[in-house]
Every structure is written in C-alpha cells, then in structure tokens.
N, C-alpha and C. Protein backbone atom coordinates (compact mmCIF):
# COMPACT_ATOMS: atom_id res chain seq x y z
N MET A 1 57.11 38.54 111.30
CA MET A 1 55.95 39.41 111.43
C MET A 1 54.74 38.54 111.72
N ASN A 2 53.87 39.04 112.57
CA ASN A 2 52.61 38.37 112.88
C ASN A 2 51.48 39.18 112.24
N ILE A 3 50.71 38.52 111.39
CA ILE A 3 49.62 39.17 110.69
C ILE A 3 48.32 38.49 111.08
N LYS A 4 47.37 39.32 111.46
CA LYS A 4 46.04 38.82 111.81
C LYS A 4 45.04 39.50 110.88
N ILE A 5 44.15 38.72 110.30
CA ILE A 5 43.08 39.26 109.48
C ILE A 5 41.78 38.98 110.21
N VAL A 6 41.13 40.03 110.67
CA VAL A 6 39.87 39.91 111.41
C VAL A 6 38.73 40.22 110.44
N CYS A 7 37.82 39.27 110.30
CA CYS A 7 36.72 39.38 109.34
C CYS A 7 35.38 39.14 110.02
N VAL A 8 34.36 39.78 109.49
CA VAL A 8 33.00 39.56 109.98
C VAL A 8 32.34 38.49 109.12
N GLY A 9 31.76 37.52 109.76
CA GLY A 9 31.03 36.47 109.06
C GLY A 9 31.89 35.27 108.75
N LYS A 10 31.21 34.17 108.52
CA LYS A 10 31.87 32.90 108.23
C LYS A 10 32.03 32.77 106.73
N LEU A 11 33.18 32.29 106.32
CA LEU A 11 33.44 32.05 104.91
C LEU A 11 32.85 30.69 104.55
N LYS A 12 31.93 30.68 103.59
CA LYS A 12 31.24 29.44 103.24
C LYS A 12 31.75 28.82 101.94
N GLU A 13 32.15 29.66 101.00
CA GLU A 13 32.52 29.18 99.68
C GLU A 13 33.86 28.47 99.72
N LYS A 14 33.88 27.23 99.22
CA LYS A 14 35.10 26.41 99.24
C LYS A 14 36.22 27.06 98.42
N TYR A 15 35.89 27.64 97.28
CA TYR A 15 36.91 28.23 96.43
C TYR A 15 37.60 29.42 97.10
N PHE A 16 36.87 30.19 97.92
CA PHE A 16 37.51 31.27 98.67
C PHE A 16 38.39 30.69 99.79
N LYS A 17 37.86 29.68 100.47
CA LYS A 17 38.65 29.03 101.53
C LYS A 17 39.95 28.46 100.96
N ASP A 18 39.85 27.79 99.81
CA ASP A 18 41.04 27.19 99.18
C ASP A 18 42.07 28.26 98.83
N ALA A 19 41.61 29.37 98.29
CA ALA A 19 42.53 30.46 97.92
C ALA A 19 43.22 31.01 99.16
N ILE A 20 42.49 31.20 100.23
CA ILE A 20 43.08 31.74 101.46
C ILE A 20 44.10 30.77 102.04
N VAL A 21 43.77 29.49 102.05
CA VAL A 21 44.72 28.48 102.55
C VAL A 21 46.00 28.50 101.72
N GLU A 22 45.85 28.62 100.41
CA GLU A 22 47.02 28.66 99.53
C GLU A 22 47.91 29.87 99.86
N TYR A 23 47.32 31.03 100.02
CA TYR A 23 48.13 32.22 100.33
C TYR A 23 48.71 32.16 101.74
N GLN A 24 47.97 31.57 102.68
CA GLN A 24 48.55 31.39 104.02
C GLN A 24 49.78 30.50 103.95
N LYS A 25 49.71 29.45 103.14
CA LYS A 25 50.84 28.54 102.97
C LYS A 25 52.02 29.29 102.35
N ARG A 26 51.76 30.07 101.31
CA ARG A 26 52.82 30.83 100.65
C ARG A 26 53.45 31.86 101.60
N LEU A 27 52.62 32.46 102.42
CA LEU A 27 53.10 33.49 103.34
C LEU A 27 53.87 32.92 104.53
N SER A 28 53.71 31.65 104.79
CA SER A 28 54.29 31.06 106.01
C SER A 28 55.81 31.21 106.09
N ARG A 29 56.48 31.38 104.98
CA ARG A 29 57.93 31.57 105.04
C ARG A 29 58.31 33.00 105.43
N PHE A 30 57.34 33.92 105.38
CA PHE A 30 57.61 35.31 105.70
C PHE A 30 56.98 35.75 107.03
N ALA A 31 55.82 35.20 107.34
CA ALA A 31 55.04 35.69 108.48
C ALA A 31 54.09 34.62 108.99
N LYS A 32 53.67 34.79 110.23
CA LYS A 32 52.61 33.96 110.78
C LYS A 32 51.30 34.70 110.47
N VAL A 33 50.40 34.03 109.78
CA VAL A 33 49.15 34.65 109.37
C VAL A 33 47.99 33.92 110.04
N GLU A 34 47.17 34.68 110.73
CA GLU A 34 46.01 34.13 111.43
C GLU A 34 44.75 34.78 110.88
N LEU A 35 43.77 33.96 110.54
CA LEU A 35 42.47 34.46 110.09
C LEU A 35 41.48 34.29 111.24
N VAL A 36 40.89 35.40 111.67
CA VAL A 36 39.94 35.39 112.79
C VAL A 36 38.59 35.84 112.26
N GLN A 37 37.60 34.97 112.41
CA GLN A 37 36.24 35.30 111.98
C GLN A 37 35.38 35.59 113.19
N VAL A 38 34.68 36.72 113.14
CA VAL A 38 33.73 37.04 114.21
C VAL A 38 32.32 36.92 113.62
N PRO A 39 31.35 36.54 114.44
CA PRO A 39 29.99 36.36 113.91
C PRO A 39 29.41 37.67 113.37
N ASP A 40 28.69 37.54 112.26
CA ASP A 40 27.97 38.71 111.77
C ASP A 40 26.66 38.82 112.52
N GLU A 41 26.11 40.00 112.52
CA GLU A 41 24.85 40.26 113.21
C GLU A 41 23.72 39.95 112.24
N LYS A 42 22.84 39.07 112.64
CA LYS A 42 21.71 38.73 111.78
C LYS A 42 20.77 39.93 111.70
N ALA A 43 20.42 40.28 110.47
CA ALA A 43 19.56 41.45 110.27
C ALA A 43 18.77 41.28 108.98
N PRO A 44 17.57 41.85 108.95
CA PRO A 44 16.78 41.78 107.72
C PRO A 44 17.43 42.64 106.62
N GLU A 45 16.99 42.42 105.38
CA GLU A 45 17.55 43.15 104.24
C GLU A 45 17.39 44.67 104.37
N LYS A 46 16.20 45.10 104.75
CA LYS A 46 15.94 46.54 104.82
C LYS A 46 16.04 47.01 106.26
N LEU A 47 17.01 47.88 106.50
CA LEU A 47 17.23 48.44 107.84
C LEU A 47 17.21 49.95 107.77
N SER A 48 16.73 50.57 108.83
CA SER A 48 16.83 52.02 108.92
C SER A 48 18.29 52.39 109.18
N ALA A 49 18.62 53.65 109.05
CA ALA A 49 19.99 54.10 109.29
C ALA A 49 20.41 53.79 110.73
N ALA A 50 19.49 53.98 111.67
CA ALA A 50 19.80 53.69 113.08
C ALA A 50 20.03 52.20 113.29
N GLU A 51 19.24 51.35 112.64
CA GLU A 51 19.43 49.90 112.75
C GLU A 51 20.75 49.47 112.13
N GLN A 52 21.13 50.10 111.01
CA GLN A 52 22.41 49.79 110.39
C GLN A 52 23.57 50.14 111.33
N GLU A 53 23.47 51.28 111.99
CA GLU A 53 24.52 51.69 112.93
C GLU A 53 24.61 50.71 114.10
N LYS A 54 23.46 50.24 114.56
CA LYS A 54 23.44 49.27 115.66
C LYS A 54 24.13 47.96 115.25
N VAL A 55 23.86 47.50 114.05
CA VAL A 55 24.50 46.28 113.54
C VAL A 55 26.01 46.49 113.48
N LYS A 56 26.44 47.63 112.94
CA LYS A 56 27.88 47.91 112.83
C LYS A 56 28.52 48.02 114.21
N GLU A 57 27.80 48.60 115.17
CA GLU A 57 28.34 48.69 116.54
C GLU A 57 28.53 47.31 117.16
N LEU A 58 27.53 46.44 117.02
CA LEU A 58 27.63 45.09 117.57
C LEU A 58 28.77 44.30 116.93
N GLU A 59 28.85 44.36 115.60
CA GLU A 59 29.95 43.69 114.91
C GLU A 59 31.28 44.34 115.28
N GLY A 60 31.27 45.65 115.43
CA GLY A 60 32.48 46.39 115.79
C GLY A 60 33.04 45.97 117.13
N GLN A 61 32.16 45.74 118.09
CA GLN A 61 32.63 45.28 119.41
C GLN A 61 33.30 43.92 119.30
N ARG A 62 32.73 43.06 118.49
CA ARG A 62 33.34 41.73 118.29
C ARG A 62 34.72 41.86 117.64
N ILE A 63 34.84 42.77 116.69
CA ILE A 63 36.13 43.02 116.04
C ILE A 63 37.14 43.54 117.05
N LEU A 64 36.75 44.57 117.80
CA LEU A 64 37.67 45.20 118.75
C LEU A 64 38.13 44.22 119.83
N ASN A 65 37.28 43.27 120.18
CA ASN A 65 37.67 42.26 121.17
C ASN A 65 38.79 41.35 120.66
N LYS A 66 39.00 41.31 119.37
CA LYS A 66 40.03 40.45 118.78
C LYS A 66 41.34 41.19 118.49
N ILE A 67 41.36 42.50 118.71
CA ILE A 67 42.54 43.31 118.42
C ILE A 67 43.27 43.64 119.72
N LYS A 68 44.57 43.43 119.70
CA LYS A 68 45.40 43.73 120.87
C LYS A 68 45.90 45.17 120.80
N ASP A 69 46.20 45.73 121.96
CA ASP A 69 46.67 47.12 122.03
C ASP A 69 47.93 47.34 121.22
N LYS A 70 48.83 46.36 121.20
CA LYS A 70 50.13 46.53 120.54
C LYS A 70 50.05 46.39 119.02
N GLU A 71 48.93 45.94 118.50
CA GLU A 71 48.84 45.69 117.06
C GLU A 71 48.64 47.00 116.28
N TYR A 72 49.34 47.07 115.17
CA TYR A 72 49.13 48.15 114.20
C TYR A 72 47.95 47.71 113.35
N VAL A 73 46.94 48.56 113.21
CA VAL A 73 45.68 48.14 112.61
C VAL A 73 45.37 48.88 111.31
N TYR A 74 45.15 48.08 110.27
CA TYR A 74 44.62 48.58 109.00
C TYR A 74 43.15 48.15 108.93
N VAL A 75 42.27 49.09 108.62
CA VAL A 75 40.86 48.76 108.41
C VAL A 75 40.55 49.03 106.94
N THR A 76 40.00 48.02 106.27
CA THR A 76 39.62 48.22 104.87
C THR A 76 38.38 49.09 104.82
N ALA A 77 38.44 50.10 103.96
CA ALA A 77 37.34 51.06 103.86
C ALA A 77 37.39 51.74 102.49
N ILE A 78 36.26 51.87 101.87
CA ILE A 78 36.21 52.54 100.56
C ILE A 78 36.78 53.95 100.67
N LYS A 79 36.55 54.61 101.80
CA LYS A 79 37.03 55.99 101.98
C LYS A 79 38.46 56.05 102.51
N GLY A 80 39.12 54.91 102.56
CA GLY A 80 40.51 54.87 103.02
C GLY A 80 41.47 55.37 101.96
N LYS A 81 42.75 55.29 102.28
CA LYS A 81 43.80 55.73 101.37
C LYS A 81 44.15 54.61 100.41
N GLU A 82 44.13 54.94 99.11
CA GLU A 82 44.55 53.98 98.10
C GLU A 82 46.07 54.01 98.00
N ARG A 83 46.66 52.87 97.72
CA ARG A 83 48.10 52.73 97.59
C ARG A 83 48.42 51.87 96.39
N THR A 84 49.62 52.00 95.90
CA THR A 84 50.11 51.02 94.93
C THR A 84 50.61 49.83 95.72
N SER A 85 50.79 48.71 95.06
CA SER A 85 51.33 47.53 95.73
C SER A 85 52.73 47.82 96.26
N GLU A 86 53.53 48.58 95.50
CA GLU A 86 54.89 48.91 95.93
C GLU A 86 54.88 49.77 97.19
N THR A 87 53.97 50.73 97.25
CA THR A 87 53.87 51.60 98.44
C THR A 87 53.42 50.78 99.64
N PHE A 88 52.46 49.92 99.44
CA PHE A 88 51.96 49.06 100.51
C PHE A 88 53.08 48.14 101.01
N ALA A 89 53.86 47.59 100.09
CA ALA A 89 54.99 46.73 100.46
C ALA A 89 56.00 47.50 101.32
N GLN A 90 56.29 48.73 100.92
CA GLN A 90 57.23 49.54 101.69
C GLN A 90 56.68 49.84 103.09
N GLU A 91 55.37 50.10 103.18
CA GLU A 91 54.75 50.35 104.49
C GLU A 91 54.92 49.15 105.41
N LEU A 92 54.64 47.95 104.90
CA LEU A 92 54.79 46.75 105.73
C LEU A 92 56.25 46.53 106.13
N LYS A 93 57.14 46.78 105.22
CA LYS A 93 58.57 46.65 105.52
C LYS A 93 58.96 47.65 106.61
N ASP A 94 58.50 48.89 106.50
CA ASP A 94 58.81 49.92 107.50
C ASP A 94 58.22 49.57 108.86
N LEU A 95 57.01 49.02 108.87
CA LEU A 95 56.40 48.62 110.14
C LEU A 95 57.29 47.61 110.86
N ALA A 96 57.74 46.61 110.12
CA ALA A 96 58.59 45.57 110.72
C ALA A 96 59.92 46.18 111.19
N THR A 97 60.47 47.08 110.40
CA THR A 97 61.75 47.69 110.73
C THR A 97 61.66 48.55 112.00
N TYR A 98 60.55 49.23 112.16
CA TYR A 98 60.41 50.18 113.27
C TYR A 98 59.58 49.66 114.43
N GLY A 99 59.57 48.34 114.61
CA GLY A 99 59.02 47.76 115.82
C GLY A 99 57.54 47.39 115.83
N HIS A 100 56.90 47.41 114.68
CA HIS A 100 55.50 46.99 114.62
C HIS A 100 55.42 45.62 113.94
N SER A 101 55.79 44.59 114.67
CA SER A 101 55.80 43.25 114.07
C SER A 101 54.45 42.56 114.19
N ASP A 102 53.50 43.19 114.89
CA ASP A 102 52.15 42.64 115.00
C ASP A 102 51.20 43.57 114.27
N VAL A 103 50.65 43.07 113.16
CA VAL A 103 49.78 43.88 112.31
C VAL A 103 48.44 43.18 112.16
N ALA A 104 47.37 43.94 112.34
CA ALA A 104 46.02 43.39 112.17
C ALA A 104 45.33 44.12 111.01
N PHE A 105 44.64 43.35 110.21
CA PHE A 105 43.82 43.89 109.13
C PHE A 105 42.38 43.56 109.46
N VAL A 106 41.49 44.52 109.22
CA VAL A 106 40.07 44.32 109.53
C VAL A 106 39.25 44.46 108.25
N ILE A 107 38.38 43.47 108.04
CA ILE A 107 37.39 43.53 106.97
C ILE A 107 36.03 43.46 107.64
N GLY A 108 35.27 44.52 107.52
CA GLY A 108 33.96 44.58 108.15
C GLY A 108 32.93 43.73 107.43
N GLY A 109 31.72 43.77 107.93
CA GLY A 109 30.62 43.04 107.31
C GLY A 109 30.06 43.79 106.13
N SER A 110 28.90 43.37 105.68
CA SER A 110 28.30 43.95 104.48
C SER A 110 27.93 45.42 104.64
N LEU A 111 27.80 45.89 105.88
CA LEU A 111 27.48 47.30 106.10
C LEU A 111 28.72 48.15 106.36
N GLY A 112 29.87 47.52 106.43
CA GLY A 112 31.10 48.25 106.72
C GLY A 112 31.49 48.11 108.18
N THR A 113 32.29 49.06 108.67
CA THR A 113 32.79 49.02 110.04
C THR A 113 32.25 50.19 110.85
N SER A 114 32.19 49.99 112.15
CA SER A 114 31.68 51.01 113.05
C SER A 114 32.67 52.16 113.20
N GLN A 115 32.19 53.27 113.73
CA GLN A 115 33.07 54.41 114.00
C GLN A 115 34.15 54.03 115.00
N ALA A 116 33.81 53.19 115.98
CA ALA A 116 34.79 52.78 116.99
C ALA A 116 35.93 51.98 116.35
N VAL A 117 35.61 51.12 115.40
CA VAL A 117 36.64 50.34 114.71
C VAL A 117 37.50 51.27 113.86
N ASN A 118 36.86 52.19 113.15
CA ASN A 118 37.62 53.13 112.31
C ASN A 118 38.51 54.03 113.17
N LYS A 119 38.03 54.38 114.35
CA LYS A 119 38.83 55.22 115.26
C LYS A 119 40.05 54.44 115.77
N ARG A 120 39.91 53.15 115.99
CA ARG A 120 41.02 52.31 116.46
C ARG A 120 42.08 52.10 115.37
N ALA A 121 41.68 52.26 114.12
CA ALA A 121 42.59 52.02 113.01
C ALA A 121 43.77 52.99 113.04
N ASP A 122 44.94 52.45 112.71
CA ASP A 122 46.10 53.30 112.46
C ASP A 122 46.04 53.82 111.03
N GLU A 123 45.46 53.03 110.16
CA GLU A 123 45.32 53.38 108.74
C GLU A 123 44.01 52.83 108.21
N LEU A 124 43.34 53.62 107.36
CA LEU A 124 42.21 53.11 106.59
C LEU A 124 42.76 52.77 105.20
N LEU A 125 42.53 51.56 104.78
CA LEU A 125 43.12 51.02 103.56
C LEU A 125 42.02 50.78 102.52
N SER A 126 42.15 51.43 101.37
CA SER A 126 41.17 51.28 100.31
C SER A 126 41.75 50.49 99.15
N PHE A 127 40.94 49.63 98.58
CA PHE A 127 41.31 48.90 97.38
C PHE A 127 40.55 49.45 96.18
N GLY A 128 40.13 50.70 96.29
CA GLY A 128 39.42 51.37 95.21
C GLY A 128 37.97 51.64 95.60
N LYS A 129 37.27 52.27 94.69
CA LYS A 129 35.90 52.69 94.98
C LYS A 129 34.86 51.63 94.61
N LEU A 130 35.33 50.54 94.03
CA LEU A 130 34.39 49.46 93.70
C LEU A 130 33.94 48.76 94.98
N THR A 131 32.71 48.32 95.00
CA THR A 131 32.20 47.54 96.11
C THR A 131 32.47 46.06 95.81
N MET A 132 33.05 45.37 96.79
CA MET A 132 33.31 43.94 96.64
C MET A 132 32.60 43.18 97.74
N PRO A 133 32.21 41.94 97.48
CA PRO A 133 31.70 41.13 98.58
C PRO A 133 32.80 40.98 99.63
N HIS A 134 32.44 41.06 100.91
CA HIS A 134 33.48 41.01 101.94
C HIS A 134 34.19 39.66 101.97
N GLN A 135 33.55 38.59 101.46
CA GLN A 135 34.22 37.30 101.39
C GLN A 135 35.34 37.35 100.35
N LEU A 136 35.08 37.95 99.20
CA LEU A 136 36.10 38.09 98.16
C LEU A 136 37.21 39.01 98.63
N MET A 137 36.87 40.00 99.41
CA MET A 137 37.88 40.94 99.92
C MET A 137 38.95 40.23 100.73
N ARG A 138 38.59 39.16 101.40
CA ARG A 138 39.57 38.38 102.18
C ARG A 138 40.66 37.83 101.26
N VAL A 139 40.23 37.31 100.10
CA VAL A 139 41.19 36.75 99.15
C VAL A 139 42.04 37.87 98.56
N VAL A 140 41.43 38.96 98.18
CA VAL A 140 42.16 40.09 97.60
C VAL A 140 43.19 40.61 98.61
N LEU A 141 42.79 40.78 99.85
CA LEU A 141 43.69 41.29 100.88
C LEU A 141 44.87 40.36 101.12
N ILE A 142 44.61 39.08 101.30
CA ILE A 142 45.72 38.16 101.60
C ILE A 142 46.66 38.03 100.39
N GLU A 143 46.12 38.11 99.18
CA GLU A 143 46.99 38.09 98.00
C GLU A 143 47.87 39.33 97.99
N GLN A 144 47.32 40.47 98.31
CA GLN A 144 48.12 41.70 98.32
C GLN A 144 49.18 41.69 99.42
N ILE A 145 48.87 41.10 100.54
CA ILE A 145 49.87 40.95 101.60
C ILE A 145 51.00 40.06 101.10
N TYR A 146 50.65 38.96 100.45
CA TYR A 146 51.66 38.07 99.86
C TYR A 146 52.49 38.84 98.82
N ARG A 147 51.82 39.60 97.98
CA ARG A 147 52.51 40.39 96.95
C ARG A 147 53.51 41.35 97.60
N CYS A 148 53.14 41.95 98.72
CA CYS A 148 54.06 42.85 99.44
C CYS A 148 55.34 42.13 99.82
N PHE A 149 55.20 40.95 100.40
CA PHE A 149 56.38 40.20 100.80
C PHE A 149 57.22 39.78 99.59
N MET A 150 56.56 39.46 98.49
CA MET A 150 57.30 39.09 97.29
C MET A 150 58.04 40.30 96.71
N ILE A 151 57.41 41.45 96.72
CA ILE A 151 58.08 42.68 96.27
C ILE A 151 59.30 42.94 97.15
N ASN A 152 59.10 42.85 98.47
CA ASN A 152 60.19 43.14 99.40
C ASN A 152 61.33 42.13 99.32
N SER A 153 61.04 40.92 98.83
CA SER A 153 62.10 39.91 98.70
C SER A 153 62.77 39.96 97.33
N GLY A 154 62.29 40.85 96.45
CA GLY A 154 62.89 40.97 95.13
C GLY A 154 62.44 39.91 94.15
N SER A 155 61.34 39.24 94.45
CA SER A 155 60.83 38.17 93.60
C SER A 155 60.19 38.73 92.32
N PRO A 156 60.26 37.97 91.23
CA PRO A 156 59.60 38.41 90.00
C PRO A 156 58.07 38.21 90.01
N TYR A 157 57.51 37.71 91.13
CA TYR A 157 56.05 37.50 91.22
C TYR A 157 55.29 38.75 90.82
N HIS A 158 55.76 39.90 91.25
CA HIS A 158 55.04 41.16 91.01
C HIS A 158 55.38 41.73 89.64
N LYS A 159 54.66 41.29 88.65
CA LYS A 159 54.85 41.83 87.30
C LYS A 159 53.53 41.94 86.60
C-alpha cells in the first residue's frame, strides 16, 4: 500500500518530527509512507470570514496539486465520521483488497480545509470534536495508521 499524508505548513518541532520518523520506520514493513508538506498561507491573526475562505482556497489548491486522481482520499475534519480503530483498520484493509492501494490523507492548516478539498475527499475522517494543533494531528494520524496495520496483522500492539 502507498500512503501519502499531505499537510499544510512546515513541521518545526523536533519531537513531532522524531515521532513521525519513528512511525514511518515502523510502517515501512507494511506500506510506503510519504509525508508531503505544502506551504501555509501567511495571514494575520484576525481575518474576516471572506479572508479566511481565501486562505483556505489558496492552501486547498496546493493540497489538490499533490493528490493524484487514482488516490483514495481521507480528509481530516471535525465534522467528519468518527470511527473506532478497529473500524478504521478494516476500512484500510478493504481498500487494499478492492484495488485502492494508493491512499492519501489530508491535514489542513489552522483554518481547516477548503470546500474544494472536502469535495475531493472520498471520506471525511474525524478524530473527535476536540481541536488539536495541526502539527500534533500529524503524529496522531500516523500512529493510528500504524495501529490499523498492527490490528490487521493480529499484533498485540492494540490493547
């Protein structure tokens, strides 16, 4: 399976980078995992609703430019569908079984994702209603992807 994680903004914190590298290493026996960072749009703290939409559109175009037509796309979104780890693991297993070996995950910037990105999504994926920094979300997502593969391999990791 080929997994691509498309994220907005550069990861600066060493501890997040280290965690991602560790999970990429662990996942390497199951899948090829690529982390793609697109530039975030520089914007002041206070934006009007129209300015926020413009920022999301610009970041959204950068995201969409990194997604291939054949990829099955999950977009992280608070309003997405929540799943258990077991359900998520079964979904990834089914994707591989039924010909979707290229899967992309999208983590938007601090304002979220554009309508165009959400429209391109095959699934909106929620990790709950809590707001997380998008940098931390990268670590949470890659750990959950690893957990899926461990569940599917029958490993005791998931306990």
